Amino acid sequence: PRQLWEEALAQAEDPAAAIDRFLSRRWKGERPDRKECKRAADALARRGYLWQDISEGLTRYTQELWDLE
């Protein structure tokens, strides 16, 4: 039923927040190389995240590192 679907979507976590948390835990402030980025992206894809969300998350993570310098 539509009501249950809407309730489930309302309770679903924002994918951006989940991806950011995953990347932060995985790399702990370290700058990943290309191979590590690919592994993380693959792991997130296996968890069901969309490539667009994964790509944006990787961009946010690396941009944050550049801003800290």
C-alpha atoms as a PDB file:
ATOM      1  CA  PRO A   1       0.000   0.000   0.000  1.00  0.00           C
ATOM      2  CA  ARG A   2       1.075   3.569  -0.733  1.00  0.00           C
ATOM      3  CA  GLN A   3       0.960   4.606   2.936  1.00  0.00           C
ATOM      4  CA  LEU A   4       3.480   1.943   3.929  1.00  0.00           C
ATOM      5  CA  TRP A   5       5.731   2.898   1.047  1.00  0.00           C
ATOM      6  CA  GLU A   6       5.672   6.579   2.078  1.00  0.00           C
ATOM      7  CA  GLU A   7       6.426   5.672   5.701  1.00  0.00           C
ATOM      8  CA  ALA A   8       9.377   3.530   4.637  1.00  0.00           C
ATOM      9  CA  LEU A   9      10.786   6.331   2.498  1.00  0.00           C
ATOM     10  CA  ALA A  10      10.381   8.811   5.336  1.00  0.00           C
ATOM     11  CA  GLN A  11      12.394   6.529   7.626  1.00  0.00           C
ATOM     12  CA  ALA A  12      15.124   5.811   5.071  1.00  0.00           C
ATOM     13  CA  GLU A  13      18.475   7.407   5.763  1.00  0.00           C
ATOM     14  CA  ASP A  14      19.823  10.037   3.407  1.00  0.00           C
ATOM     15  CA  PRO A  15      22.284   8.207   1.125  1.00  0.00           C
ATOM     16  CA  ALA A  16      24.712  11.142   1.218  1.00  0.00           C
ATOM     17  CA  ALA A  17      25.039  10.919   5.006  1.00  0.00           C
ATOM     18  CA  ALA A  18      25.518   7.144   4.919  1.00  0.00           C
ATOM     19  CA  ILE A  19      28.139   7.371   2.164  1.00  0.00           C
ATOM     20  CA  ASP A  20      30.012  10.150   3.971  1.00  0.00           C
ATOM     21  CA  ARG A  21      30.047   8.116   7.181  1.00  0.00           C
ATOM     22  CA  PHE A  22      31.272   5.009   5.306  1.00  0.00           C
ATOM     23  CA  LEU A  23      34.131   6.906   3.640  1.00  0.00           C
ATOM     24  CA  SER A  24      35.131   8.675   6.856  1.00  0.00           C
ATOM     25  CA  ARG A  25      35.299   5.391   8.740  1.00  0.00           C
ATOM     26  CA  ARG A  26      37.128   3.658   5.926  1.00  0.00           C
ATOM     27  CA  TRP A  27      39.869   6.224   5.406  1.00  0.00           C
ATOM     28  CA  LYS A  28      39.957   8.084   8.749  1.00  0.00           C
ATOM     29  CA  GLY A  29      41.130  11.360   7.245  1.00  0.00           C
ATOM     30  CA  GLU A  30      43.701   9.788   4.946  1.00  0.00           C
ATOM     31  CA  ARG A  31      43.916  10.694   1.277  1.00  0.00           C
ATOM     32  CA  PRO A  32      42.998   7.583  -0.757  1.00  0.00           C
ATOM     33  CA  ASP A  33      44.689   6.699  -4.018  1.00  0.00           C
ATOM     34  CA  ARG A  34      42.771   5.778  -7.162  1.00  0.00           C
ATOM     35  CA  LYS A  35      42.764   2.051  -6.343  1.00  0.00           C
ATOM     36  CA  GLU A  36      41.350   2.661  -2.859  1.00  0.00           C
ATOM     37  CA  CYS A  37      38.642   4.923  -4.313  1.00  0.00           C
ATOM     38  CA  LYS A  38      37.647   2.156  -6.724  1.00  0.00           C
ATOM     39  CA  ARG A  39      37.430  -0.372  -3.900  1.00  0.00           C
ATOM     40  CA  ALA A  40      35.289   1.946  -1.796  1.00  0.00           C
ATOM     41  CA  ALA A  41      33.025   2.749  -4.757  1.00  0.00           C
ATOM     42  CA  ASP A  42      32.597  -0.967  -5.465  1.00  0.00           C
ATOM     43  CA  ALA A  43      31.762  -1.644  -1.811  1.00  0.00           C
ATOM     44  CA  LEU A  44      29.151   1.110  -1.808  1.00  0.00           C
ATOM     45  CA  ALA A  45      27.667  -0.138  -5.091  1.00  0.00           C
ATOM     46  CA  ARG A  46      27.337  -3.618  -3.579  1.00  0.00           C
ATOM     47  CA  ARG A  47      25.383  -2.008  -0.738  1.00  0.00           C
ATOM     48  CA  GLY A  48      22.940  -0.649  -3.307  1.00  0.00           C
ATOM     49  CA  TYR A  49      23.944   2.999  -3.599  1.00  0.00           C
ATOM     50  CA  LEU A  50      23.626   4.728  -6.958  1.00  0.00           C
ATOM     51  CA  TRP A  51      26.782   5.644  -8.853  1.00  0.00           C
ATOM     52  CA  GLN A  52      25.801   9.323  -8.839  1.00  0.00           C
ATOM     53  CA  ASP A  53      25.538   9.310  -5.029  1.00  0.00           C
ATOM     54  CA  ILE A  54      28.848   7.443  -4.706  1.00  0.00           C
ATOM     55  CA  SER A  55      30.630   9.851  -7.041  1.00  0.00           C
ATOM     56  CA  GLU A  56      29.296  12.864  -5.148  1.00  0.00           C
ATOM     57  CA  GLY A  57      30.408  11.293  -1.868  1.00  0.00           C
ATOM     58  CA  LEU A  58      33.924  10.705  -3.142  1.00  0.00           C
ATOM     59  CA  THR A  59      34.061  14.298  -4.364  1.00  0.00           C
ATOM     60  CA  ARG A  60      32.858  15.608  -0.986  1.00  0.00           C
ATOM     61  CA  TYR A  61      35.425  13.517   0.884  1.00  0.00           C
ATOM     62  CA  THR A  62      38.385  14.580  -1.233  1.00  0.00           C
ATOM     63  CA  GLN A  63      37.248  18.231  -1.290  1.00  0.00           C
ATOM     64  CA  GLU A  64      37.059  18.178   2.491  1.00  0.00           C
ATOM     65  CA  LEU A  65      40.663  16.969   2.651  1.00  0.00           C
ATOM     66  CA  TRP A  66      41.810  19.771   0.346  1.00  0.00           C
ATOM     67  CA  ASP A  67      39.942  22.336   2.464  1.00  0.00           C
ATOM     68  CA  LEU A  68      41.767  21.137   5.589  1.00  0.00           C
ATOM     69  CA  GLU A  69      45.171  21.881   4.088  1.00  0.00           C
END
